[in-house]
């Protein structure tokens, strides 16, 4: 996941810049792909580039408490979403999973980012 997170962040920043936004607020838990060296380095370098050029969308990370999951306001949404999406008897294909997530959260399915071969 650490390999695809910078791609996701870059995609989000491009979309936000296109509509005139200047910052991306990231409310993150302690997931390994949120705190990996690769992701931290991407955010640091990206923000430096935005600061130097005066253009773009900077990323602002707001970390949630590590040992207080009840303070994460999104946790109940994930629990309910997971219960509605997963199949107890089998693993879903990527396409099935994406379709169910979008149906549950009533959102459009956008093009997916590619996962490097080392990760998949």
PDB file of N, CA and C in Angstrom:
ATOM      1  N   UNK A   1       0.808  -1.201   0.000  1.00  0.00           N
ATOM      2  CA  UNK A   1       0.000   0.000   0.000  1.00  0.00           C
ATOM      3  C   UNK A   1       0.854   1.269   0.000  1.00  0.00           C
ATOM      4  N   UNK A   2       2.040   1.194   0.612  1.00  0.00           N
ATOM      5  CA  UNK A   2       2.890   2.386   0.645  1.00  0.00           C
ATOM      6  C   UNK A   2       3.256   2.850  -0.747  1.00  0.00           C
ATOM      7  N   UNK A   3       3.363   1.922  -1.690  1.00  0.00           N
ATOM      8  CA  UNK A   3       3.764   2.287  -3.045  1.00  0.00           C
ATOM      9  C   UNK A   3       2.661   3.036  -3.778  1.00  0.00           C
ATOM     10  N   UNK A   4       1.419   2.721  -3.496  1.00  0.00           N
ATOM     11  CA  UNK A   4       0.320   3.358  -4.223  1.00  0.00           C
ATOM     12  C   UNK A   4      -0.165   4.643  -3.533  1.00  0.00           C
ATOM     13  N   UNK A   5       0.127   4.813  -2.261  1.00  0.00           N
ATOM     14  CA  UNK A   5      -0.339   6.000  -1.538  1.00  0.00           C
ATOM     15  C   UNK A   5       0.168   7.302  -2.163  1.00  0.00           C
ATOM     16  N   UNK A   6       1.460   7.417  -2.511  1.00  0.00           N
ATOM     17  CA  UNK A   6       1.891   8.662  -3.164  1.00  0.00           C
ATOM     18  C   UNK A   6       1.159   8.918  -4.481  1.00  0.00           C
ATOM     19  N   UNK A   7       0.874   7.865  -5.240  1.00  0.00           N
ATOM     20  CA  UNK A   7       0.101   8.032  -6.479  1.00  0.00           C
ATOM     21  C   UNK A   7      -1.281   8.580  -6.159  1.00  0.00           C
ATOM     22  N   UNK A   8      -1.891   8.049  -5.126  1.00  0.00           N
ATOM     23  CA  UNK A   8      -3.224   8.507  -4.727  1.00  0.00           C
ATOM     24  C   UNK A   8      -3.192   9.964  -4.290  1.00  0.00           C
ATOM     25  N   UNK A   9      -2.188  10.314  -3.511  1.00  0.00           N
ATOM     26  CA  UNK A   9      -2.061  11.695  -3.047  1.00  0.00           C
ATOM     27  C   UNK A   9      -1.837  12.652  -4.210  1.00  0.00           C
ATOM     28  N   UNK A  10      -0.992  12.249  -5.146  1.00  0.00           N
ATOM     29  CA  UNK A  10      -0.731  13.088  -6.310  1.00  0.00           C
ATOM     30  C   UNK A  10      -2.015  13.288  -7.119  1.00  0.00           C
ATOM     31  N   UNK A  11      -2.764  12.224  -7.303  1.00  0.00           N
ATOM     32  CA  UNK A  11      -4.033  12.299  -8.035  1.00  0.00           C
ATOM     33  C   UNK A  11      -4.993  13.263  -7.338  1.00  0.00           C
ATOM     34  N   UNK A  12      -5.111  13.126  -6.015  1.00  0.00           N
ATOM     35  CA  UNK A  12      -5.997  14.014  -5.251  1.00  0.00           C
ATOM     36  C   UNK A  12      -5.552  15.468  -5.381  1.00  0.00           C
ATOM     37  N   UNK A  13      -4.262  15.706  -5.263  1.00  0.00           N
ATOM     38  CA  UNK A  13      -3.750  17.080  -5.363  1.00  0.00           C
ATOM     39  C   UNK A  13      -4.024  17.674  -6.741  1.00  0.00           C
ATOM     40  N   UNK A  14      -3.876  16.875  -7.787  1.00  0.00           N
ATOM     41  CA  UNK A  14      -4.161  17.366  -9.137  1.00  0.00           C
ATOM     42  C   UNK A  14      -5.640  17.730  -9.277  1.00  0.00           C
ATOM     43  N   UNK A  15      -6.509  16.882  -8.765  1.00  0.00           N
ATOM     44  CA  UNK A  15      -7.950  17.153  -8.859  1.00  0.00           C
ATOM     45  C   UNK A  15      -8.326  18.407  -8.074  1.00  0.00           C
ATOM     46  N   UNK A  16      -7.741  18.566  -6.890  1.00  0.00           N
ATOM     47  CA  UNK A  16      -8.027  19.750  -6.074  1.00  0.00           C
ATOM     48  C   UNK A  16      -7.486  21.017  -6.719  1.00  0.00           C
ATOM     49  N   UNK A  17      -6.287  20.941  -7.293  1.00  0.00           N
ATOM     50  CA  UNK A  17      -5.709  22.104  -7.961  1.00  0.00           C
ATOM     51  C   UNK A  17      -6.586  22.536  -9.133  1.00  0.00           C
ATOM     52  N   UNK A  18      -7.166  21.568  -9.821  1.00  0.00           N
ATOM     53  CA  UNK A  18      -8.009  21.874 -10.983  1.00  0.00           C
ATOM     54  C   UNK A  18      -9.253  22.673 -10.603  1.00  0.00           C
ATOM     55  N   UNK A  19      -9.686  22.560  -9.352  1.00  0.00           N
ATOM     56  CA  UNK A  19     -10.864  23.318  -8.907  1.00  0.00           C
ATOM     57  C   UNK A  19     -10.476  24.480  -7.990  1.00  0.00           C
ATOM     58  N   UNK A  20      -9.182  24.821  -7.970  1.00  0.00           N
ATOM     59  CA  UNK A  20      -8.725  26.010  -7.258  1.00  0.00           C
ATOM     60  C   UNK A  20      -8.449  25.850  -5.780  1.00  0.00           C
ATOM     61  N   UNK A  21      -8.345  24.644  -5.290  1.00  0.00           N
ATOM     62  CA  UNK A  21      -8.026  24.438  -3.868  1.00  0.00           C
ATOM     63  C   UNK A  21      -6.526  24.542  -3.650  1.00  0.00           C
ATOM     64  N   UNK A  22      -6.122  24.829  -2.425  1.00  0.00           N
ATOM     65  CA  UNK A  22      -4.700  24.991  -2.138  1.00  0.00           C
ATOM     66  C   UNK A  22      -4.165  24.015  -1.092  1.00  0.00           C
ATOM     67  N   UNK A  23      -5.044  23.248  -0.458  1.00  0.00           N
ATOM     68  CA  UNK A  23      -4.580  22.309   0.562  1.00  0.00           C
ATOM     69  C   UNK A  23      -5.438  21.046   0.567  1.00  0.00           C
ATOM     70  N   UNK A  24      -4.792  19.953   0.900  1.00  0.00           N
ATOM     71  CA  UNK A  24      -5.448  18.661   1.076  1.00  0.00           C
ATOM     72  C   UNK A  24      -5.246  18.261   2.529  1.00  0.00           C
ATOM     73  N   UNK A  25      -6.319  18.207   3.291  1.00  0.00           N
ATOM     74  CA  UNK A  25      -6.248  17.788   4.688  1.00  0.00           C
ATOM     75  C   UNK A  25      -6.379  16.280   4.782  1.00  0.00           C
ATOM     76  N   UNK A  26      -5.407  15.651   5.410  1.00  0.00           N
ATOM     77  CA  UNK A  26      -5.390  14.196   5.555  1.00  0.00           C
ATOM     78  C   UNK A  26      -5.555  13.839   7.030  1.00  0.00           C
ATOM     79  N   UNK A  27      -6.694  13.292   7.383  1.00  0.00           N
ATOM     80  CA  UNK A  27      -6.918  12.835   8.753  1.00  0.00           C
ATOM     81  C   UNK A  27      -6.611  11.348   8.744  1.00  0.00           C
ATOM     82  N   UNK A  28      -5.455  11.001   9.294  1.00  0.00           N
ATOM     83  CA  UNK A  28      -4.946   9.644   9.161  1.00  0.00           C
ATOM     84  C   UNK A  28      -4.807   8.940  10.499  1.00  0.00           C
ATOM     85  N   UNK A  29      -5.052   7.637  10.447  1.00  0.00           N
ATOM     86  CA  UNK A  29      -4.793   6.784  11.600  1.00  0.00           C
ATOM     87  C   UNK A  29      -3.344   6.299  11.491  1.00  0.00           C
ATOM     88  N   UNK A  30      -2.998   5.284  12.243  1.00  0.00           N
ATOM     89  CA  UNK A  30      -1.614   4.823  12.288  1.00  0.00           C
ATOM     90  C   UNK A  30      -1.365   3.660  11.331  1.00  0.00           C
ATOM     91  N   UNK A  31      -2.104   3.580  10.239  1.00  0.00           N
ATOM     92  CA  UNK A  31      -1.880   2.516   9.263  1.00  0.00           C
ATOM     93  C   UNK A  31      -0.455   2.617   8.724  1.00  0.00           C
ATOM     94  N   UNK A  32       0.149   1.478   8.470  1.00  0.00           N
ATOM     95  CA  UNK A  32       1.553   1.471   8.044  1.00  0.00           C
ATOM     96  C   UNK A  32       1.762   2.265   6.761  1.00  0.00           C
ATOM     97  N   UNK A  33       0.803   2.256   5.844  1.00  0.00           N
ATOM     98  CA  UNK A  33       0.969   2.992   4.595  1.00  0.00           C
ATOM     99  C   UNK A  33       0.787   4.493   4.774  1.00  0.00           C
ATOM    100  N   UNK A  34       0.274   4.918   5.912  1.00  0.00           N
ATOM    101  CA  UNK A  34       0.182   6.348   6.195  1.00  0.00           C
ATOM    102  C   UNK A  34       1.489   6.871   6.772  1.00  0.00           C
ATOM    103  N   UNK A  35       2.201   6.030   7.478  1.00  0.00           N
ATOM    104  CA  UNK A  35       3.392   6.498   8.182  1.00  0.00           C
ATOM    105  C   UNK A  35       4.688   5.954   7.614  1.00  0.00           C
ATOM    106  N   UNK A  36       4.639   5.313   6.453  1.00  0.00           N
ATOM    107  CA  UNK A  36       5.861   4.747   5.872  1.00  0.00           C
ATOM    108  C   UNK A  36       6.831   5.858   5.479  1.00  0.00           C
ATOM    109  N   UNK A  37       8.099   5.507   5.422  1.00  0.00           N
ATOM    110  CA  UNK A  37       9.123   6.474   5.025  1.00  0.00           C
ATOM    111  C   UNK A  37       8.868   6.982   3.610  1.00  0.00           C
ATOM    112  N   UNK A  38       8.424   6.096   2.746  1.00  0.00           N
ATOM    113  CA  UNK A  38       8.157   6.474   1.352  1.00  0.00           C
ATOM    114  C   UNK A  38       7.064   7.545   1.275  1.00  0.00           C
ATOM    115  N   UNK A  39       5.993   7.382   2.031  1.00  0.00           N
ATOM    116  CA  UNK A  39       4.878   8.337   2.013  1.00  0.00           C
ATOM    117  C   UNK A  39       5.297   9.652   2.668  1.00  0.00           C
ATOM    118  N   UNK A  40       5.968   9.575   3.806  1.00  0.00           N
ATOM    119  CA  UNK A  40       6.429  10.795   4.471  1.00  0.00           C
ATOM    120  C   UNK A  40       7.363  11.591   3.566  1.00  0.00           C
ATOM    121  N   UNK A  41       8.252  10.889   2.855  1.00  0.00           N
ATOM    122  CA  UNK A  41       9.182  11.562   1.941  1.00  0.00           C
ATOM    123  C   UNK A  41       8.420  12.222   0.794  1.00  0.00           C
ATOM    124  N   UNK A  42       7.417  11.521   0.234  1.00  0.00           N
ATOM    125  CA  UNK A  42       6.655  12.106  -0.867  1.00  0.00           C
ATOM    126  C   UNK A  42       5.968  13.389  -0.410  1.00  0.00           C
ATOM    127  N   UNK A  43       5.333  13.366   0.755  1.00  0.00           N
ATOM    128  CA  UNK A  43       4.628  14.547   1.269  1.00  0.00           C
ATOM    129  C   UNK A  43       5.615  15.690   1.490  1.00  0.00           C
ATOM    130  N   UNK A  44       6.749  15.389   2.090  1.00  0.00           N
ATOM    131  CA  UNK A  44       7.758  16.415   2.359  1.00  0.00           C
ATOM    132  C   UNK A  44       8.239  17.051   1.049  1.00  0.00           C
ATOM    133  N   UNK A  45       8.604  16.226   0.073  1.00  0.00           N
ATOM    134  CA  UNK A  45       9.097  16.749  -1.205  1.00  0.00           C
ATOM    135  C   UNK A  45       8.006  17.489  -1.974  1.00  0.00           C
ATOM    136  N   UNK A  46       6.797  16.958  -1.942  1.00  0.00           N
ATOM    137  CA  UNK A  46       5.680  17.607  -2.635  1.00  0.00           C
ATOM    138  C   UNK A  46       5.413  18.993  -2.038  1.00  0.00           C
ATOM    139  N   UNK A  47       5.354  19.069  -0.713  1.00  0.00           N
ATOM    140  CA  UNK A  47       5.095  20.352  -0.062  1.00  0.00           C
ATOM    141  C   UNK A  47       6.221  21.358  -0.317  1.00  0.00           C
ATOM    142  N   UNK A  48       7.460  20.887  -0.381  1.00  0.00           N
ATOM    143  CA  UNK A  48       8.577  21.781  -0.701  1.00  0.00           C
ATOM    144  C   UNK A  48       8.428  22.344  -2.108  1.00  0.00           C
ATOM    145  N   UNK A  49       8.038  21.489  -3.036  1.00  0.00           N
ATOM    146  CA  UNK A  49       7.853  21.933  -4.415  1.00  0.00           C
ATOM    147  C   UNK A  49       6.729  22.963  -4.511  1.00  0.00           C
ATOM    148  N   UNK A  50       5.637  22.722  -3.797  1.00  0.00           N
ATOM    149  CA  UNK A  50       4.517  23.677  -3.804  1.00  0.00           C
ATOM    150  C   UNK A  50       4.965  25.005  -3.208  1.00  0.00           C
ATOM    151  N   UNK A  51       5.709  24.939  -2.118  1.00  0.00           N
ATOM    152  CA  UNK A  51       6.180  26.164  -1.460  1.00  0.00           C
ATOM    153  C   UNK A  51       7.119  26.942  -2.385  1.00  0.00           C
ATOM    154  N   UNK A  52       8.062  26.236  -3.045  1.00  0.00           N
ATOM    155  CA  UNK A  52       9.013  26.893  -3.940  1.00  0.00           C
ATOM    156  C   UNK A  52       8.332  27.534  -5.144  1.00  0.00           C
ATOM    157  N   UNK A  53       7.406  26.808  -5.744  1.00  0.00           N
ATOM    158  CA  UNK A  53       6.774  27.294  -6.981  1.00  0.00           C
ATOM    159  C   UNK A  53       5.619  28.254  -6.710  1.00  0.00           C
ATOM    160  N   UNK A  54       5.055  28.171  -5.521  1.00  0.00           N
ATOM    161  CA  UNK A  54       3.895  28.998  -5.205  1.00  0.00           C
ATOM    162  C   UNK A  54       2.627  28.508  -5.877  1.00  0.00           C
ATOM    163  N   UNK A  55       2.689  27.316  -6.453  1.00  0.00           N
ATOM    164  CA  UNK A  55       1.523  26.736  -7.112  1.00  0.00           C
ATOM    165  C   UNK A  55       1.349  25.291  -6.669  1.00  0.00           C
ATOM    166  N   UNK A  56       0.107  24.869  -6.661  1.00  0.00           N
ATOM    167  CA  UNK A  56      -0.183  23.485  -6.313  1.00  0.00           C
ATOM    168  C   UNK A  56      -0.962  23.373  -5.020  1.00  0.00           C
ATOM    169  N   UNK A  57      -1.141  22.152  -4.595  1.00  0.00           N
ATOM    170  CA  UNK A  57      -1.922  21.841  -3.395  1.00  0.00           C
ATOM    171  C   UNK A  57      -0.997  21.184  -2.390  1.00  0.00           C
ATOM    172  N   UNK A  58      -0.864  21.795  -1.242  1.00  0.00           N
ATOM    173  CA  UNK A  58      -0.016  21.185  -0.216  1.00  0.00           C
ATOM    174  C   UNK A  58      -0.829  20.153   0.572  1.00  0.00           C
ATOM    175  N   UNK A  59      -0.131  19.188   1.143  1.00  0.00           N
ATOM    176  CA  UNK A  59      -0.764  18.133   1.932  1.00  0.00           C
ATOM    177  C   UNK A  59      -0.513  18.383   3.410  1.00  0.00           C
ATOM    178  N   UNK A  60      -1.587  18.425   4.181  1.00  0.00           N
ATOM    179  CA  UNK A  60      -1.495  18.671   5.618  1.00  0.00           C
ATOM    180  C   UNK A  60      -1.982  17.419   6.341  1.00  0.00           C
ATOM    181  N   UNK A  61      -1.074  16.769   7.065  1.00  0.00           N
ATOM    182  CA  UNK A  61      -1.413  15.536   7.765  1.00  0.00           C
ATOM    183  C   UNK A  61      -1.836  15.840   9.194  1.00  0.00           C
ATOM    184  N   UNK A  62      -2.999  15.347   9.560  1.00  0.00           N
ATOM    185  CA  UNK A  62      -3.513  15.453  10.930  1.00  0.00           C
ATOM    186  C   UNK A  62      -3.671  14.026  11.438  1.00  0.00           C
ATOM    187  N   UNK A  63      -2.758  13.610  12.275  1.00  0.00           N
ATOM    188  CA  UNK A  63      -2.777  12.232  12.760  1.00  0.00           C
ATOM    189  C   UNK A  63      -3.768  12.024  13.890  1.00  0.00           C
ATOM    190  N   UNK A  64      -4.437  10.881  13.852  1.00  0.00           N
ATOM    191  CA  UNK A  64      -5.345  10.504  14.933  1.00  0.00           C
ATOM    192  C   UNK A  64      -4.540   9.847  16.051  1.00  0.00           C
ATOM    193  N   UNK A  65      -5.031   9.889  17.277  1.00  0.00           N
ATOM    194  CA  UNK A  65      -4.312   9.235  18.374  1.00  0.00           C
ATOM    195  C   UNK A  65      -4.101   7.748  18.079  1.00  0.00           C
ATOM    196  N   UNK A  66      -2.904   7.271  18.361  1.00  0.00           N
ATOM    197  CA  UNK A  66      -2.535   5.900  18.031  1.00  0.00           C
ATOM    198  C   UNK A  66      -3.355   4.879  18.822  1.00  0.00           C
ATOM    199  N   UNK A  67      -3.515   5.083  20.097  1.00  0.00           N
ATOM    200  CA  UNK A  67      -4.183   4.077  20.920  1.00  0.00           C
ATOM    201  C   UNK A  67      -5.557   4.520  21.381  1.00  0.00           C
ATOM    202  N   UNK A  68      -6.280   5.235  20.514  1.00  0.00           N
ATOM    203  CA  UNK A  68      -7.618   5.701  20.870  1.00  0.00           C
ATOM    204  C   UNK A  68      -8.538   5.618  19.649  1.00  0.00           C
ATOM    205  N   UNK A  69      -8.832   4.391  19.174  1.00  0.00           N
ATOM    206  CA  UNK A  69      -9.651   4.266  17.970  1.00  0.00           C
ATOM    207  C   UNK A  69     -11.050   4.863  18.128  1.00  0.00           C
ATOM    208  N   UNK A  70     -11.540   4.971  19.339  1.00  0.00           N
ATOM    209  CA  UNK A  70     -12.861   5.554  19.561  1.00  0.00           C
ATOM    210  C   UNK A  70     -12.881   7.043  19.269  1.00  0.00           C
ATOM    211  N   UNK A  71     -11.694   7.654  19.153  1.00  0.00           N
ATOM    212  CA  UNK A  71     -11.629   9.078  18.822  1.00  0.00           C
ATOM    213  C   UNK A  71     -11.573   9.314  17.320  1.00  0.00           C
ATOM    214  N   UNK A  72     -11.607   8.227  16.550  1.00  0.00           N
ATOM    215  CA  UNK A  72     -11.615   8.333  15.093  1.00  0.00           C
ATOM    216  C   UNK A  72     -13.064   8.413  14.633  1.00  0.00           C
ATOM    217  N   UNK A  73     -13.528   9.566  14.185  1.00  0.00           N
ATOM    218  CA  UNK A  73     -14.933   9.712  13.816  1.00  0.00           C
ATOM    219  C   UNK A  73     -15.336   8.890  12.599  1.00  0.00           C
ATOM    220  N   UNK A  74     -14.365   8.420  11.827  1.00  0.00           N
ATOM    221  CA  UNK A  74     -14.703   7.611  10.659  1.00  0.00           C
ATOM    222  C   UNK A  74     -14.789   6.117  10.960  1.00  0.00           C
ATOM    223  N   UNK A  75     -14.286   5.685  12.113  1.00  0.00           N
ATOM    224  CA  UNK A  75     -14.248   4.259  12.424  1.00  0.00           C
ATOM    225  C   UNK A  75     -15.618   3.582  12.294  1.00  0.00           C
ATOM    226  N   UNK A  76     -16.698   4.164  12.826  1.00  0.00           N
ATOM    227  CA  UNK A  76     -17.999   3.493  12.664  1.00  0.00           C
ATOM    228  C   UNK A  76     -18.417   3.363  11.202  1.00  0.00           C
ATOM    229  N   UNK A  77     -18.071   4.353  10.380  1.00  0.00           N
ATOM    230  CA  UNK A  77     -18.411   4.273   8.955  1.00  0.00           C
ATOM    231  C   UNK A  77     -17.692   3.112   8.288  1.00  0.00           C
ATOM    232  N   UNK A  78     -16.414   2.914   8.659  1.00  0.00           N
ATOM    233  CA  UNK A  78     -15.663   1.808   8.072  1.00  0.00           C
ATOM    234  C   UNK A  78     -16.246   0.470   8.513  1.00  0.00           C
ATOM    235  N   UNK A  79     -16.628   0.363   9.778  1.00  0.00           N
ATOM    236  CA  UNK A  79     -17.181  -0.893  10.283  1.00  0.00           C
ATOM    237  C   UNK A  79     -18.470  -1.236   9.550  1.00  0.00           C
ATOM    238  N   UNK A  80     -19.366  -0.272   9.418  1.00  0.00           N
ATOM    239  CA  UNK A  80     -20.633  -0.532   8.728  1.00  0.00           C
ATOM    240  C   UNK A  80     -20.405  -0.809   7.243  1.00  0.00           C
ATOM    241  N   UNK A  81     -19.511  -0.047   6.637  1.00  0.00           N
ATOM    242  CA  UNK A  81     -19.209  -0.251   5.225  1.00  0.00           C
ATOM    243  C   UNK A  81     -18.608  -1.623   4.965  1.00  0.00           C
ATOM    244  N   UNK A  82     -17.687  -2.019   5.823  1.00  0.00           N
ATOM    245  CA  UNK A  82     -17.057  -3.328   5.664  1.00  0.00           C
ATOM    246  C   UNK A  82     -18.089  -4.435   5.787  1.00  0.00           C
ATOM    247  N   UNK A  83     -18.978  -4.305   6.767  1.00  0.00           N
ATOM    248  CA  UNK A  83     -20.018  -5.314   6.948  1.00  0.00           C
ATOM    249  C   UNK A  83     -20.950  -5.424   5.755  1.00  0.00           C
ATOM    250  N   UNK A  84     -21.187  -4.308   5.089  1.00  0.00           N
ATOM    251  CA  UNK A  84     -22.094  -4.308   3.944  1.00  0.00           C
ATOM    252  C   UNK A  84     -21.408  -4.778   2.663  1.00  0.00           C
ATOM    253  N   UNK A  85     -20.096  -4.705   2.620  1.00  0.00           N
ATOM    254  CA  UNK A  85     -19.379  -4.977   1.380  1.00  0.00           C
ATOM    255  C   UNK A  85     -18.784  -6.381   1.324  1.00  0.00           C
ATOM    256  N   UNK A  86     -18.181  -6.838   2.404  1.00  0.00           N
ATOM    257  CA  UNK A  86     -17.449  -8.108   2.365  1.00  0.00           C
ATOM    258  C   UNK A  86     -18.392  -9.302   2.236  1.00  0.00           C
ATOM    259  N   UNK A  87     -17.826 -10.382   1.763  1.00  0.00           N
ATOM    260  CA  UNK A  87     -18.550 -11.644   1.617  1.00  0.00           C
ATOM    261  C   UNK A  87     -17.935 -12.612   2.616  1.00  0.00           C
ATOM    262  N   UNK A  88     -18.704 -13.132   3.568  1.00  0.00           N
ATOM    263  CA  UNK A  88     -18.099 -13.978   4.606  1.00  0.00           C
ATOM    264  C   UNK A  88     -17.550 -15.300   4.080  1.00  0.00           C
ATOM    265  N   UNK A  89     -18.082 -15.796   2.961  1.00  0.00           N
ATOM    266  CA  UNK A  89     -17.686 -17.119   2.484  1.00  0.00           C
ATOM    267  C   UNK A  89     -16.562 -17.124   1.459  1.00  0.00           C
ATOM    268  N   UNK A  90     -16.240 -15.949   0.899  1.00  0.00           N
ATOM    269  CA  UNK A  90     -15.209 -15.919  -0.139  1.00  0.00           C
ATOM    270  C   UNK A  90     -14.614 -14.528  -0.261  1.00  0.00           C
ATOM    271  N   UNK A  91     -13.448 -14.471  -0.893  1.00  0.00           N
ATOM    272  CA  UNK A  91     -12.837 -13.184  -1.198  1.00  0.00           C
ATOM    273  C   UNK A  91     -13.469 -12.644  -2.473  1.00  0.00           C
ATOM    274  N   UNK A  92     -13.698 -11.364  -2.498  1.00  0.00           N
ATOM    275  CA  UNK A  92     -14.250 -10.726  -3.684  1.00  0.00           C
ATOM    276  C   UNK A  92     -13.137 -10.400  -4.668  1.00  0.00           C
ATOM    277  N   UNK A  93     -13.487 -10.366  -5.940  1.00  0.00           N
ATOM    278  CA  UNK A  93     -12.513  -9.886  -6.924  1.00  0.00           C
ATOM    279  C   UNK A  93     -12.385  -8.377  -6.732  1.00  0.00           C
ATOM    280  N   UNK A  94     -11.347  -7.796  -7.308  1.00  0.00           N
ATOM    281  CA  UNK A  94     -11.155  -6.345  -7.188  1.00  0.00           C
ATOM    282  C   UNK A  94     -12.342  -5.601  -7.779  1.00  0.00           C
ATOM    283  N   UNK A  95     -12.849  -6.086  -8.918  1.00  0.00           N
ATOM    284  CA  UNK A  95     -13.991  -5.426  -9.567  1.00  0.00           C
ATOM    285  C   UNK A  95     -15.246  -5.511  -8.706  1.00  0.00           C
ATOM    286  N   UNK A  96     -15.501  -6.679  -8.119  1.00  0.00           N
ATOM    287  CA  UNK A  96     -16.670  -6.838  -7.242  1.00  0.00           C
ATOM    288  C   UNK A  96     -16.558  -5.925  -6.028  1.00  0.00           C
ATOM    289  N   UNK A  97     -15.364  -5.874  -5.466  1.00  0.00           N
ATOM    290  CA  UNK A  97     -15.142  -5.058  -4.276  1.00  0.00           C
ATOM    291  C   UNK A  97     -15.399  -3.579  -4.585  1.00  0.00           C
ATOM    292  N   UNK A  98     -14.818  -3.100  -5.685  1.00  0.00           N
ATOM    293  CA  UNK A  98     -15.001  -1.696  -6.076  1.00  0.00           C
ATOM    294  C   UNK A  98     -16.470  -1.395  -6.330  1.00  0.00           C
ATOM    295  N   UNK A  99     -17.154  -2.307  -7.005  1.00  0.00           N
ATOM    296  CA  UNK A  99     -18.574  -2.101  -7.302  1.00  0.00           C
ATOM    297  C   UNK A  99     -19.401  -2.015  -6.025  1.00  0.00           C
ATOM    298  N   UNK A 100     -19.133  -2.893  -5.071  1.00  0.00           N
ATOM    299  CA  UNK A 100     -19.891  -2.902  -3.815  1.00  0.00           C
ATOM    300  C   UNK A 100     -19.609  -1.664  -2.967  1.00  0.00           C
ATOM    301  N   UNK A 101     -18.343  -1.254  -2.928  1.00  0.00           N
ATOM    302  CA  UNK A 101     -17.991  -0.054  -2.151  1.00  0.00           C
ATOM    303  C   UNK A 101     -18.705   1.163  -2.725  1.00  0.00           C
ATOM    304  N   UNK A 102     -18.650   1.312  -4.038  1.00  0.00           N
ATOM    305  CA  UNK A 102     -19.299   2.467  -4.670  1.00  0.00           C
ATOM    306  C   UNK A 102     -20.812   2.422  -4.494  1.00  0.00           C
ATOM    307  N   UNK A 103     -21.395   1.239  -4.540  1.00  0.00           N
ATOM    308  CA  UNK A 103     -22.840   1.117  -4.336  1.00  0.00           C
ATOM    309  C   UNK A 103     -23.208   1.478  -2.896  1.00  0.00           C
ATOM    310  N   UNK A 104     -22.418   1.007  -1.942  1.00  0.00           N
ATOM    311  CA  UNK A 104     -22.730   1.265  -0.530  1.00  0.00           C
ATOM    312  C   UNK A 104     -22.604   2.751  -0.192  1.00  0.00           C
ATOM    313  N   UNK A 105     -21.516   3.366  -0.653  1.00  0.00           N
ATOM    314  CA  UNK A 105     -21.267   4.770  -0.330  1.00  0.00           C
ATOM    315  C   UNK A 105     -21.873   5.738  -1.351  1.00  0.00           C
ATOM    316  N   UNK A 106     -22.589   5.190  -2.326  1.00  0.00           N
ATOM    317  CA  UNK A 106     -23.269   5.989  -3.346  1.00  0.00           C
ATOM    318  C   UNK A 106     -22.311   6.985  -3.999  1.00  0.00           C
ATOM    319  N   UNK A 107     -21.233   6.431  -4.543  1.00  0.00           N
ATOM    320  CA  UNK A 107     -20.234   7.279  -5.195  1.00  0.00           C
ATOM    321  C   UNK A 107     -19.887   6.703  -6.567  1.00  0.00           C
ATOM    322  N   UNK A 108     -19.370   7.556  -7.409  1.00  0.00           N
ATOM    323  CA  UNK A 108     -18.974   7.122  -8.745  1.00  0.00           C
ATOM    324  C   UNK A 108     -17.662   6.361  -8.675  1.00  0.00           C
ATOM    325  N   UNK A 109     -17.534   5.352  -9.506  1.00  0.00           N
ATOM    326  CA  UNK A 109     -16.284   4.614  -9.574  1.00  0.00           C
ATOM    327  C   UNK A 109     -15.384   5.288 -10.594  1.00  0.00           C
ATOM    328  N   UNK A 110     -14.242   5.758 -10.146  1.00  0.00           N
ATOM    329  CA  UNK A 110     -13.280   6.429 -11.016  1.00  0.00           C
ATOM    330  C   UNK A 110     -12.212   5.438 -11.445  1.00  0.00           C
ATOM    331  N   UNK A 111     -11.416   5.838 -12.425  1.00  0.00           N
ATOM    332  CA  UNK A 111     -10.320   4.973 -12.866  1.00  0.00           C
ATOM    333  C   UNK A 111      -9.413   4.652 -11.702  1.00  0.00           C
ATOM    334  N   UNK A 112      -8.976   3.409 -11.636  1.00  0.00           N
ATOM    335  CA  UNK A 112      -8.120   2.992 -10.532  1.00  0.00           C
ATOM    336  C   UNK A 112      -6.673   3.287 -10.855  1.00  0.00           C
ATOM    337  N   UNK A 113      -5.915   3.514  -9.799  1.00  0.00           N
ATOM    338  CA  UNK A 113      -4.488   3.694  -9.953  1.00  0.00           C
ATOM    339  C   UNK A 113      -3.845   2.319 -10.143  1.00  0.00           C
ATOM    340  N   UNK A 114      -2.722   2.281 -10.811  1.00  0.00           N
ATOM    341  CA  UNK A 114      -2.049   1.004 -11.027  1.00  0.00           C
ATOM    342  C   UNK A 114      -1.221   0.662  -9.806  1.00  0.00           C
ATOM    343  N   UNK A 115      -1.189  -0.624  -9.495  1.00  0.00           N
ATOM    344  CA  UNK A 115      -0.386  -1.111  -8.382  1.00  0.00           C
ATOM    345  C   UNK A 115       0.893  -1.712  -8.960  1.00  0.00           C
ATOM    346  N   UNK A 116       2.046  -1.262  -8.492  1.00  0.00           N
ATOM    347  CA  UNK A 116       3.299  -1.810  -9.021  1.00  0.00           C
ATOM    348  C   UNK A 116       3.371  -3.328  -8.833  1.00  0.00           C
ATOM    349  N   UNK A 117       4.022  -4.057  -9.772  1.00  0.00           N
ATOM    350  CA  UNK A 117       4.094  -5.512  -9.672  1.00  0.00           C
ATOM    351  C   UNK A 117       4.659  -6.019  -8.353  1.00  0.00           C
ATOM    352  N   UNK A 118       5.616  -5.288  -7.766  1.00  0.00           N
ATOM    353  CA  UNK A 118       6.215  -5.726  -6.493  1.00  0.00           C
ATOM    354  C   UNK A 118       5.174  -5.788  -5.382  1.00  0.00           C
ATOM    355  N   UNK A 119       4.164  -4.921  -5.444  1.00  0.00           N
ATOM    356  CA  UNK A 119       3.160  -4.843  -4.390  1.00  0.00           C
ATOM    357  C   UNK A 119       2.062  -5.873  -4.608  1.00  0.00           C
ATOM    358  N   UNK A 120       1.606  -6.026  -5.840  1.00  0.00           N
ATOM    359  CA  UNK A 120       0.503  -6.943  -6.112  1.00  0.00           C
ATOM    360  C   UNK A 120       1.014  -8.331  -6.141  1.00  0.00           C
TER     361      UNK A 120
END
